Amino acid sequence: MPEIRPYRPADRAALYDICVRTADAGGDARGVYSSDDLMGDLFAGPYAQLEPHLAFVLDDGGEVAGYVVGTADTPEFVRRYRAEWIPLVGDRYPVPPPPPRTPEQDMIALHFRPERMLVPGLDGHPAHLHIDLLPHCQGHGFGRRLIDRFLDTVDAPGVHVGMLTANVKARGFYDRLGFTVLPVPDPGPLTYLGIRVARGGRARAE
């Protein structure tokens, strides 16, 4: 039976592999960009590096098949991303030119602009998370267990997620967990959802 356990540094490659295999609106994005590490460097690696105590994995008989990562304090995470993560990644990615850019350059631009995570209207939900599961572990309650573990651990009054509006399957998942829409100005292609976290780490719907 798969178990939820804390992230270990040895899990890093698995996190990156799961991240890219679920990065195309839940589908496989391997080969889409010149480096399959790009998705992990944006959406998994910085969290595991900067806030490992909030990283948990689904261990399926010694193989990592899913994870949840996040931060309790988005503004502080943004500061550390710029101060620590960008230098750590180094010159792996060239600074993209101004628009118009290729889709890959647009994605790399996210790395150099962590302030994009500072979205007006989310002050009551300062924490945020990313969760990914390989297809064979989806639909069995493991996603709920991962998020419950995160919510039981995070020290914040509320948690938000920013998900592609087109990812209808993911929206249904968050709806079932009690996340509700957070109205933010100009959300672009994303929908922002939030859940409150009561004292003692027990989540409650809005």
C-alpha atoms as a PDB file:
ATOM      1  CA  MET A   1       0.000   0.000   0.000  1.00  0.00           C
ATOM      2  CA  PRO A   2       1.529   3.358  -0.988  1.00  0.00           C
ATOM      3  CA  GLU A   3       2.423   5.596   1.950  1.00  0.00           C
ATOM      4  CA  ILE A   4       2.886   9.317   2.454  1.00  0.00           C
ATOM      5  CA  ARG A   5       6.293  10.220   3.862  1.00  0.00           C
ATOM      6  CA  PRO A   6       8.519  13.288   4.122  1.00  0.00           C
ATOM      7  CA  TYR A   7      10.628  14.204   1.109  1.00  0.00           C
ATOM      8  CA  ARG A   8      14.262  13.123   1.105  1.00  0.00           C
ATOM      9  CA  PRO A   9      17.062  14.635  -1.015  1.00  0.00           C
ATOM     10  CA  ALA A  10      17.369  11.282  -2.804  1.00  0.00           C
ATOM     11  CA  ASP A  11      13.811  11.841  -4.132  1.00  0.00           C
ATOM     12  CA  ARG A  12      14.816  14.861  -6.209  1.00  0.00           C
ATOM     13  CA  ALA A  13      15.103  13.027  -9.549  1.00  0.00           C
ATOM     14  CA  ALA A  14      11.705  11.415  -9.004  1.00  0.00           C
ATOM     15  CA  LEU A  15      10.114  14.796  -8.262  1.00  0.00           C
ATOM     16  CA  TYR A  16      11.502  16.203 -11.499  1.00  0.00           C
ATOM     17  CA  ASP A  17      10.350  13.176 -13.488  1.00  0.00           C
ATOM     18  CA  ILE A  18       6.809  13.336 -12.086  1.00  0.00           C
ATOM     19  CA  CYS A  19       6.687  17.093 -12.592  1.00  0.00           C
ATOM     20  CA  VAL A  20       7.459  16.955 -16.327  1.00  0.00           C
ATOM     21  CA  ARG A  21       5.266  13.884 -16.896  1.00  0.00           C
ATOM     22  CA  THR A  22       2.249  15.775 -15.562  1.00  0.00           C
ATOM     23  CA  ALA A  23       3.103  19.314 -16.736  1.00  0.00           C
ATOM     24  CA  ASP A  24       0.988  19.505 -19.891  1.00  0.00           C
ATOM     25  CA  ALA A  25      -2.350  20.254 -18.192  1.00  0.00           C
ATOM     26  CA  GLY A  26      -1.934  16.933 -16.406  1.00  0.00           C
ATOM     27  CA  GLY A  27      -0.368  15.195 -19.410  1.00  0.00           C
ATOM     28  CA  ASP A  28       3.215  14.330 -20.347  1.00  0.00           C
ATOM     29  CA  ALA A  29       5.425  17.288 -21.299  1.00  0.00           C
ATOM     30  CA  ARG A  30       8.629  15.346 -21.920  1.00  0.00           C
ATOM     31  CA  GLY A  31      10.293  16.623 -25.071  1.00  0.00           C
ATOM     32  CA  VAL A  32       8.215  19.795 -25.227  1.00  0.00           C
ATOM     33  CA  TYR A  33      11.116  21.981 -24.076  1.00  0.00           C
ATOM     34  CA  SER A  34      14.836  21.699 -24.759  1.00  0.00           C
ATOM     35  CA  SER A  35      15.370  20.489 -21.185  1.00  0.00           C
ATOM     36  CA  ASP A  36      12.985  18.169 -19.377  1.00  0.00           C
ATOM     37  CA  ASP A  37      14.311  19.680 -16.143  1.00  0.00           C
ATOM     38  CA  LEU A  38      12.688  23.052 -16.842  1.00  0.00           C
ATOM     39  CA  MET A  39       9.338  22.155 -15.276  1.00  0.00           C
ATOM     40  CA  GLY A  40      11.028  20.744 -12.176  1.00  0.00           C
ATOM     41  CA  ASP A  41      13.256  23.778 -11.841  1.00  0.00           C
ATOM     42  CA  LEU A  42      10.156  25.971 -11.821  1.00  0.00           C
ATOM     43  CA  PHE A  43       7.542  24.014  -9.897  1.00  0.00           C
ATOM     44  CA  ALA A  44       9.239  21.337  -7.767  1.00  0.00           C
ATOM     45  CA  GLY A  45      12.942  21.921  -7.130  1.00  0.00           C
ATOM     46  CA  PRO A  46      12.768  25.329  -5.467  1.00  0.00           C
ATOM     47  CA  TYR A  47      10.226  24.104  -2.924  1.00  0.00           C
ATOM     48  CA  ALA A  48      12.144  20.938  -2.086  1.00  0.00           C
ATOM     49  CA  GLN A  49      15.290  23.013  -1.713  1.00  0.00           C
ATOM     50  CA  LEU A  50      13.943  26.001   0.209  1.00  0.00           C
ATOM     51  CA  GLU A  51      11.115  24.438   2.267  1.00  0.00           C
ATOM     52  CA  PRO A  52      11.788  20.694   2.483  1.00  0.00           C
ATOM     53  CA  HIS A  53       9.716  20.388   5.669  1.00  0.00           C
ATOM     54  CA  LEU A  54       6.615  21.069   3.543  1.00  0.00           C
ATOM     55  CA  ALA A  55       7.500  18.488   0.878  1.00  0.00           C
ATOM     56  CA  PHE A  56       5.887  15.059   1.042  1.00  0.00           C
ATOM     57  CA  VAL A  57       5.921  12.151  -1.394  1.00  0.00           C
ATOM     58  CA  LEU A  58       3.752   9.160  -2.198  1.00  0.00           C
ATOM     59  CA  ASP A  59       6.058   6.167  -1.815  1.00  0.00           C
ATOM     60  CA  ASP A  60       4.719   3.220  -3.822  1.00  0.00           C
ATOM     61  CA  GLY A  61       6.876   0.300  -2.746  1.00  0.00           C
ATOM     62  CA  GLY A  62      10.104   2.261  -2.894  1.00  0.00           C
ATOM     63  CA  GLU A  63       9.156   4.239  -6.009  1.00  0.00           C
ATOM     64  CA  VAL A  64       7.974   7.839  -5.681  1.00  0.00           C
ATOM     65  CA  ALA A  65       4.711   8.200  -7.608  1.00  0.00           C
ATOM     66  CA  GLY A  66       3.493  11.597  -6.428  1.00  0.00           C
ATOM     67  CA  TYR A  67       4.318  14.601  -4.305  1.00  0.00           C
ATOM     68  CA  VAL A  68       3.085  17.783  -2.740  1.00  0.00           C
ATOM     69  CA  VAL A  69       5.366  20.784  -2.235  1.00  0.00           C
ATOM     70  CA  GLY A  70       4.700  24.337  -1.187  1.00  0.00           C
ATOM     71  CA  THR A  71       5.404  27.251   1.059  1.00  0.00           C
ATOM     72  CA  ALA A  72       3.767  28.758   4.122  1.00  0.00           C
ATOM     73  CA  ASP A  73       4.667  32.333   3.156  1.00  0.00           C
ATOM     74  CA  THR A  74       4.547  33.206  -0.541  1.00  0.00           C
ATOM     75  CA  PRO A  75       6.188  36.662  -0.253  1.00  0.00           C
ATOM     76  CA  GLU A  76       9.097  35.204   1.721  1.00  0.00           C
ATOM     77  CA  PHE A  77       9.380  32.326  -0.732  1.00  0.00           C
ATOM     78  CA  VAL A  78       9.558  34.797  -3.616  1.00  0.00           C
ATOM     79  CA  ARG A  79      12.372  36.648  -1.849  1.00  0.00           C
ATOM     80  CA  ARG A  80      14.323  33.440  -1.262  1.00  0.00           C
ATOM     81  CA  TYR A  81      13.669  32.216  -4.806  1.00  0.00           C
ATOM     82  CA  ARG A  82      15.372  35.315  -6.170  1.00  0.00           C
ATOM     83  CA  ALA A  83      18.149  35.411  -3.575  1.00  0.00           C
ATOM     84  CA  GLU A  84      18.902  31.677  -3.388  1.00  0.00           C
ATOM     85  CA  TRP A  85      17.287  29.578  -6.102  1.00  0.00           C
ATOM     86  CA  ILE A  86      18.144  31.678  -9.158  1.00  0.00           C
ATOM     87  CA  PRO A  87      21.862  31.767  -8.220  1.00  0.00           C
ATOM     88  CA  LEU A  88      21.775  28.037  -7.475  1.00  0.00           C
ATOM     89  CA  VAL A  89      20.359  27.235 -10.911  1.00  0.00           C
ATOM     90  CA  GLY A  90      23.057  29.487 -12.339  1.00  0.00           C
ATOM     91  CA  ASP A  91      23.392  29.844 -16.100  1.00  0.00           C
ATOM     92  CA  ARG A  92      21.337  26.742 -16.946  1.00  0.00           C
ATOM     93  CA  TYR A  93      18.838  28.973 -18.733  1.00  0.00           C
ATOM     94  CA  PRO A  94      19.592  32.103 -20.774  1.00  0.00           C
ATOM     95  CA  VAL A  95      17.792  35.280 -19.789  1.00  0.00           C
ATOM     96  CA  PRO A  96      14.914  35.475 -22.295  1.00  0.00           C
ATOM     97  CA  PRO A  97      14.545  38.455 -24.625  1.00  0.00           C
ATOM     98  CA  PRO A  98      11.617  40.867 -24.374  1.00  0.00           C
ATOM     99  CA  PRO A  99       8.359  39.758 -26.019  1.00  0.00           C
ATOM    100  CA  PRO A 100       7.546  38.452 -28.529  1.00  0.00           C
ATOM    101  CA  ARG A 101       9.131  35.193 -27.397  1.00  0.00           C
ATOM    102  CA  THR A 102       8.885  31.498 -28.087  1.00  0.00           C
ATOM    103  CA  PRO A 103       6.761  29.362 -25.723  1.00  0.00           C
ATOM    104  CA  GLU A 104       9.963  28.038 -24.158  1.00  0.00           C
ATOM    105  CA  GLN A 105      11.313  31.542 -23.615  1.00  0.00           C
ATOM    106  CA  ASP A 106       8.003  32.510 -22.023  1.00  0.00           C
ATOM    107  CA  MET A 107       8.349  29.591 -19.622  1.00  0.00           C
ATOM    108  CA  ILE A 108      11.958  30.458 -18.776  1.00  0.00           C
ATOM    109  CA  ALA A 109      10.838  34.041 -18.134  1.00  0.00           C
ATOM    110  CA  LEU A 110       8.790  32.703 -15.199  1.00  0.00           C
ATOM    111  CA  HIS A 111      12.033  31.576 -13.566  1.00  0.00           C
ATOM    112  CA  PHE A 112      13.497  35.053 -13.730  1.00  0.00           C
ATOM    113  CA  ARG A 113      10.311  36.715 -12.449  1.00  0.00           C
ATOM    114  CA  PRO A 114       9.326  34.973  -9.213  1.00  0.00           C
ATOM    115  CA  GLU A 115       7.348  38.083  -8.263  1.00  0.00           C
ATOM    116  CA  ARG A 116       4.639  36.697 -10.575  1.00  0.00           C
ATOM    117  CA  MET A 117       3.560  34.656  -7.532  1.00  0.00           C
ATOM    118  CA  LEU A 118       2.561  37.823  -5.651  1.00  0.00           C
ATOM    119  CA  VAL A 119      -1.046  38.002  -6.788  1.00  0.00           C
ATOM    120  CA  PRO A 120      -3.349  40.721  -5.370  1.00  0.00           C
ATOM    121  CA  GLY A 121      -6.296  39.367  -3.429  1.00  0.00           C
ATOM    122  CA  LEU A 122      -4.516  36.402  -1.833  1.00  0.00           C
ATOM    123  CA  ASP A 123      -3.428  38.024   1.434  1.00  0.00           C
ATOM    124  CA  GLY A 124      -5.685  35.757   3.482  1.00  0.00           C
ATOM    125  CA  HIS A 125      -4.142  32.694   1.837  1.00  0.00           C
ATOM    126  CA  PRO A 126      -0.376  33.306   2.084  1.00  0.00           C
ATOM    127  CA  ALA A 127       0.582  29.654   1.630  1.00  0.00           C
ATOM    128  CA  HIS A 128       0.489  27.866  -1.706  1.00  0.00           C
ATOM    129  CA  LEU A 129       1.176  24.365  -2.964  1.00  0.00           C
ATOM    130  CA  HIS A 130       1.825  22.230  -6.033  1.00  0.00           C
ATOM    131  CA  ILE A 131       0.710  18.614  -6.214  1.00  0.00           C
ATOM    132  CA  ASP A 132       1.351  15.997  -8.901  1.00  0.00           C
ATOM    133  CA  LEU A 133       0.564  12.285  -9.143  1.00  0.00           C
ATOM    134  CA  LEU A 134       1.451   9.798 -11.851  1.00  0.00           C
ATOM    135  CA  PRO A 135      -1.654   8.574 -13.704  1.00  0.00           C
ATOM    136  CA  HIS A 136      -1.734   5.103 -12.155  1.00  0.00           C
ATOM    137  CA  CYS A 137      -2.017   6.653  -8.677  1.00  0.00           C
ATOM    138  CA  GLN A 138      -4.745   9.128  -9.558  1.00  0.00           C
ATOM    139  CA  GLY A 139      -8.326   8.538  -8.488  1.00  0.00           C
ATOM    140  CA  HIS A 140      -7.472   6.440  -5.438  1.00  0.00           C
ATOM    141  CA  GLY A 141      -7.523   9.082  -2.700  1.00  0.00           C
ATOM    142  CA  PHE A 142      -3.754   9.612  -2.618  1.00  0.00           C
ATOM    143  CA  GLY A 143      -4.036  13.228  -3.747  1.00  0.00           C
ATOM    144  CA  ARG A 144      -6.387  13.981  -0.874  1.00  0.00           C
ATOM    145  CA  ARG A 145      -3.984  12.311   1.552  1.00  0.00           C
ATOM    146  CA  LEU A 146      -1.045  14.345   0.257  1.00  0.00           C
ATOM    147  CA  ILE A 147      -2.924  17.623   0.596  1.00  0.00           C
ATOM    148  CA  ASP A 148      -4.218  16.654   4.041  1.00  0.00           C
ATOM    149  CA  ARG A 149      -0.617  16.056   5.121  1.00  0.00           C
ATOM    150  CA  PHE A 150       0.392  19.468   3.781  1.00  0.00           C
ATOM    151  CA  LEU A 151      -2.537  21.210   5.476  1.00  0.00           C
ATOM    152  CA  ASP A 152      -1.795  19.443   8.748  1.00  0.00           C
ATOM    153  CA  THR A 153       1.804  20.732   8.607  1.00  0.00           C
ATOM    154  CA  VAL A 154       1.694  24.216   7.119  1.00  0.00           C
ATOM    155  CA  ASP A 155       1.649  27.172   9.535  1.00  0.00           C
ATOM    156  CA  ALA A 156      -0.639  29.584   7.681  1.00  0.00           C
ATOM    157  CA  PRO A 157      -4.253  30.759   7.909  1.00  0.00           C
ATOM    158  CA  GLY A 158      -5.009  29.796   4.336  1.00  0.00           C
ATOM    159  CA  VAL A 159      -3.577  28.033   1.296  1.00  0.00           C
ATOM    160  CA  HIS A 160      -4.068  28.857  -2.372  1.00  0.00           C
ATOM    161  CA  VAL A 161      -3.380  27.111  -5.648  1.00  0.00           C
ATOM    162  CA  GLY A 162      -3.156  28.591  -9.113  1.00  0.00           C
ATOM    163  CA  MET A 163      -4.311  26.093 -11.721  1.00  0.00           C
ATOM    164  CA  LEU A 164      -4.819  26.267 -15.459  1.00  0.00           C
ATOM    165  CA  THR A 165      -8.483  26.980 -16.013  1.00  0.00           C
ATOM    166  CA  ALA A 166      -8.427  24.498 -18.897  1.00  0.00           C
ATOM    167  CA  ASN A 167      -7.488  21.656 -16.534  1.00  0.00           C
ATOM    168  CA  VAL A 168     -11.066  20.602 -15.777  1.00  0.00           C
ATOM    169  CA  LYS A 169     -10.001  17.360 -14.103  1.00  0.00           C
ATOM    170  CA  ALA A 170      -7.832  19.195 -11.575  1.00  0.00           C
ATOM    171  CA  ARG A 171     -10.627  21.663 -10.851  1.00  0.00           C
ATOM    172  CA  GLY A 172     -12.955  18.833  -9.903  1.00  0.00           C
ATOM    173  CA  PHE A 173     -10.320  17.427  -7.569  1.00  0.00           C
ATOM    174  CA  TYR A 174      -9.907  20.719  -5.699  1.00  0.00           C
ATOM    175  CA  ASP A 175     -13.659  21.280  -5.552  1.00  0.00           C
ATOM    176  CA  ARG A 176     -14.116  17.934  -3.817  1.00  0.00           C
ATOM    177  CA  LEU A 177     -11.509  18.884  -1.222  1.00  0.00           C
ATOM    178  CA  GLY A 178     -13.325  22.092  -0.303  1.00  0.00           C
ATOM    179  CA  PHE A 179     -11.247  24.635  -2.217  1.00  0.00           C
ATOM    180  CA  THR A 180     -13.261  27.588  -3.504  1.00  0.00           C
ATOM    181  CA  VAL A 181     -12.594  30.254  -6.105  1.00  0.00           C
ATOM    182  CA  LEU A 182     -10.612  33.286  -4.948  1.00  0.00           C
ATOM    183  CA  PRO A 183     -11.539  36.327  -7.047  1.00  0.00           C
ATOM    184  CA  VAL A 184      -8.365  38.054  -8.177  1.00  0.00           C
ATOM    185  CA  PRO A 185      -8.007  40.793 -10.792  1.00  0.00           C
ATOM    186  CA  ASP A 186      -6.777  39.698 -14.219  1.00  0.00           C
ATOM    187  CA  PRO A 187      -6.094  36.012 -13.459  1.00  0.00           C
ATOM    188  CA  GLY A 188      -5.162  35.313 -17.070  1.00  0.00           C
ATOM    189  CA  PRO A 189      -5.236  31.594 -17.963  1.00  0.00           C
ATOM    190  CA  LEU A 190      -5.305  30.597 -14.292  1.00  0.00           C
ATOM    191  CA  THR A 191      -8.027  30.042 -11.733  1.00  0.00           C
ATOM    192  CA  TYR A 192      -7.061  30.694  -8.116  1.00  0.00           C
ATOM    193  CA  LEU A 193      -8.589  28.477  -5.473  1.00  0.00           C
ATOM    194  CA  GLY A 194      -8.214  28.651  -1.716  1.00  0.00           C
ATOM    195  CA  ILE A 195      -8.939  26.844   1.502  1.00  0.00           C
ATOM    196  CA  ARG A 196      -8.716  28.103   5.071  1.00  0.00           C
ATOM    197  CA  VAL A 197      -6.624  26.257   7.642  1.00  0.00           C
ATOM    198  CA  ALA A 198      -7.939  26.317  11.195  1.00  0.00           C
ATOM    199  CA  ARG A 199      -5.797  26.010  14.302  1.00  0.00           C
ATOM    200  CA  GLY A 200      -4.305  22.573  14.645  1.00  0.00           C
ATOM    201  CA  GLY A 201      -3.950  22.209  10.873  1.00  0.00           C
ATOM    202  CA  ARG A 202      -7.558  21.227  10.230  1.00  0.00           C
ATOM    203  CA  ALA A 203      -8.741  22.591   6.895  1.00  0.00           C
ATOM    204  CA  ARG A 204     -12.115  24.180   6.417  1.00  0.00           C
ATOM    205  CA  ALA A 205     -13.916  25.294   3.303  1.00  0.00           C
ATOM    206  CA  GLU A 206     -14.475  28.983   2.594  1.00  0.00           C
END
